[in-house]
C-alpha atoms as a PDB file:
ATOM      1  CA  MET A   1      91.903 159.894 128.886  1.00  0.00           C
ATOM      2  CA  TYR A   2      91.775 160.507 132.489  1.00  0.00           C
ATOM      3  CA  ALA A   3      92.284 164.161 133.340  1.00  0.00           C
ATOM      4  CA  ASN A   4      95.690 163.871 134.953  1.00  0.00           C
ATOM      5  CA  GLU A   5      97.041 161.255 131.912  1.00  0.00           C
ATOM      6  CA  GLU A   6      99.445 162.633 129.533  1.00  0.00           C
ATOM      7  CA  SER A   7      99.723 160.696 126.449  1.00  0.00           C
ATOM      8  CA  LEU A   8     103.584 160.629 124.746  1.00  0.00           C
ATOM      9  CA  LEU A   9     105.093 159.266 121.610  1.00  0.00           C
ATOM     10  CA  PHE A  10     108.496 156.905 122.139  1.00  0.00           C
ATOM     11  CA  ASP A  11     109.901 154.557 120.126  1.00  0.00           C
ATOM     12  CA  SER A  12     106.764 154.055 118.200  1.00  0.00           C
ATOM     13  CA  ARG A  13     104.407 152.995 121.586  1.00  0.00           C
ATOM     14  CA  SER A  14     102.580 154.682 123.735  1.00  0.00           C
ATOM     15  CA  ILE A  15     103.843 155.257 126.785  1.00  0.00           C
ATOM     16  CA  LYS A  16     101.126 156.917 129.870  1.00  0.00           C
ATOM     17  CA  VAL A  17     102.059 159.047 132.291  1.00  0.00           C
ATOM     18  CA  PHE A  18     100.186 159.795 135.291  1.00  0.00           C
ATOM     19  CA  LYS A  19     100.637 162.240 137.789  1.00  0.00           C
ATOM     20  CA  CYS A  20     100.341 161.606 141.062  1.00  0.00           C
ATOM     21  CA  ARG A  21     100.386 164.984 143.775  1.00  0.00           C
ATOM     22  CA  GLY A  22     103.438 166.040 141.604  1.00  0.00           C
ATOM     23  CA  ASN A  23     105.282 163.200 141.161  1.00  0.00           C
ATOM     24  CA  SER A  24     105.365 161.170 137.601  1.00  0.00           C
ATOM     25  CA  VAL A  25     104.803 157.727 137.499  1.00  0.00           C
ATOM     26  CA  ASN A  26     105.640 155.588 134.296  1.00  0.00           C
ATOM     27  CA  ILE A  27     103.699 152.532 133.715  1.00  0.00           C
ATOM     28  CA  GLU A  28     105.607 150.180 131.201  1.00  0.00           C
ATOM     29  CA  TYR A  29     102.999 148.232 128.792  1.00  0.00           C
ATOM     30  CA  LYS A  30     105.807 145.833 127.748  1.00  0.00           C
ATOM     31  CA  LYS A  31     106.875 144.042 131.211  1.00  0.00           C
ATOM     32  CA  HIS A  32     102.824 142.918 131.329  1.00  0.00           C
ATOM     33  CA  ARG A  33     102.412 141.982 128.171  1.00  0.00           C
ATOM     34  CA  ALA A  34     103.002 138.352 128.383  1.00  0.00           C
ATOM     35  CA  TRP A  35     100.315 138.701 131.545  1.00  0.00           C
ATOM     36  CA  ALA A  36      97.602 140.290 129.437  1.00  0.00           C
ATOM     37  CA  GLU A  37      98.367 137.838 126.082  1.00  0.00           C
ATOM     38  CA  ASN A  38      97.835 135.214 128.864  1.00  0.00           C
ATOM     39  CA  LEU A  39      94.377 137.036 130.393  1.00  0.00           C
ATOM     40  CA  SER A  40      92.997 137.654 126.551  1.00  0.00           C
ATOM     41  CA  ILE A  41      93.638 133.804 126.033  1.00  0.00           C
ATOM     42  CA  VAL A  42      91.631 132.645 129.011  1.00  0.00           C
ATOM     43  CA  MET A  43      89.013 135.495 128.381  1.00  0.00           C
ATOM     44  CA  GLN A  44      88.112 134.105 125.136  1.00  0.00           C
ATOM     45  CA  ILE A  45      88.219 130.417 125.966  1.00  0.00           C
ATOM     46  CA  GLY A  46      85.889 131.581 128.351  1.00  0.00           C
ATOM     47  CA  LEU A  47      83.700 133.789 126.252  1.00  0.00           C
ATOM     48  CA  THR A  48      83.576 131.271 124.210  1.00  0.00           C
ATOM     49  CA  MET A  49      82.374 128.267 126.277  1.00  0.00           C
ATOM     50  CA  ALA A  50      79.573 130.577 127.590  1.00  0.00           C
ATOM     51  CA  GLY A  51      78.517 131.393 124.380  1.00  0.00           C
ATOM     52  CA  CYS A  52      78.101 127.893 122.819  1.00  0.00           C
ATOM     53  CA  VAL A  53      76.546 126.924 126.120  1.00  0.00           C
ATOM     54  CA  GLY A  54      74.281 130.154 126.270  1.00  0.00           C
ATOM     55  CA  PHE A  55      73.082 129.970 122.481  1.00  0.00           C
ATOM     56  CA  CYS A  56      72.206 126.264 122.878  1.00  0.00           C
ATOM     57  CA  PHE A  57      70.346 127.085 126.117  1.00  0.00           C
ATOM     58  CA  PHE A  58      68.068 129.702 124.144  1.00  0.00           C
ATOM     59  CA  VAL A  59      67.695 127.433 120.773  1.00  0.00           C
ATOM     60  CA  GLY A  60      66.560 124.953 123.560  1.00  0.00           C
ATOM     61  CA  LEU A  61      64.517 126.767 125.447  1.00  0.00           C
ATOM     62  CA  THR A  62      62.581 128.324 122.721  1.00  0.00           C
ATOM     63  CA  LEU A  63      62.021 124.509 121.242  1.00  0.00           C
ATOM     64  CA  ASP A  64      60.422 123.616 124.333  1.00  0.00           C
ATOM     65  CA  ARG A  65      57.916 126.582 124.519  1.00  0.00           C
ATOM     66  CA  TRP A  66      57.356 126.388 120.965  1.00  0.00           C
ATOM     67  CA  LEU A  67      56.250 122.690 120.990  1.00  0.00           C
ATOM     68  CA  GLY A  68      55.226 122.498 124.666  1.00  0.00           C
ATOM     69  CA  ILE A  69      57.532 119.911 126.139  1.00  0.00           C
ATOM     70  CA  ARG A  70      58.780 120.717 129.542  1.00  0.00           C
ATOM     71  CA  GLY A  71      62.414 121.191 129.616  1.00  0.00           C
ATOM     72  CA  LEU A  72      63.888 118.131 127.352  1.00  0.00           C
ATOM     73  CA  PHE A  73      65.244 120.235 123.940  1.00  0.00           C
ATOM     74  CA  THR A  74      66.496 122.640 127.243  1.00  0.00           C
ATOM     75  CA  VAL A  75      68.961 119.924 128.566  1.00  0.00           C
ATOM     76  CA  VAL A  76      69.782 118.269 125.645  1.00  0.00           C
ATOM     77  CA  PHE A  77      70.811 121.270 123.692  1.00  0.00           C
ATOM     78  CA  ILE A  78      73.180 122.027 126.616  1.00  0.00           C
ATOM     79  CA  LEU A  79      74.613 119.128 126.579  1.00  0.00           C
ATOM     80  CA  LEU A  80      75.037 119.933 122.831  1.00  0.00           C
ATOM     81  CA  GLY A  81      76.336 123.695 123.754  1.00  0.00           C
ATOM     82  CA  ILE A  82      79.094 122.180 126.455  1.00  0.00           C
ATOM     83  CA  ALA A  83      80.162 119.418 123.613  1.00  0.00           C
ATOM     84  CA  GLY A  84      80.157 121.917 120.625  1.00  0.00           C
ATOM     85  CA  GLY A  85      81.714 124.465 123.097  1.00  0.00           C
ATOM     86  CA  ALA A  86      84.609 122.156 123.933  1.00  0.00           C
ATOM     87  CA  ASN A  87      85.393 121.239 121.054  1.00  0.00           C
ATOM     88  CA  VAL A  88      85.980 124.985 120.085  1.00  0.00           C
ATOM     89  CA  VAL A  89      87.794 125.489 123.164  1.00  0.00           C
ATOM     90  CA  TYR A  90      90.258 122.456 122.735  1.00  0.00           C
ATOM     91  CA  ARG A  91      90.889 123.675 118.722  1.00  0.00           C
ATOM     92  CA  GLN A  92      91.481 127.032 119.802  1.00  0.00           C
ATOM     93  CA  ILE A  93      93.967 125.443 122.687  1.00  0.00           C
ATOM     94  CA  MET A  94      95.237 123.587 120.212  1.00  0.00           C
ATOM     95  CA  ASP A  95      96.349 126.823 117.705  1.00  0.00           C
ATOM     96  CA  ILE A  96      97.912 128.077 120.331  1.00  0.00           C
ATOM     97  CA  ILE A  97     100.087 125.548 121.470  1.00  0.00           C
ATOM     98  CA  GLU A  98     101.104 124.407 117.720  1.00  0.00           C
ATOM     99  CA  PRO A  99     100.395 126.973 115.155  1.00  0.00           C
ATOM    100  CA  LYS A 100      99.617 125.853 111.686  1.00  0.00           C
ATOM    101  CA  LYS A 101     103.163 126.184 109.238  1.00  0.00           C
END
């Protein structure tokens, strides 16, 4: 918590009150809930894709160093990471659009 922040409990949700030079400013988190959920979905998709590509890059780099080949496995595994990441992202989006019954 910040020095100028007080936390109040109201209707089983937390409302933060900031005091700015003697004036209180209430921030309603419910107004921004949809925006925050959409941002979390976009971040999840981006991090999933980056994680798949990054993991496959390091696997390919390790195999290239171990076998003494210059870049072959790195390129192959980056392409596999892109394909695998795209597959996972597609499934995540389909779960959001059409939830399982």
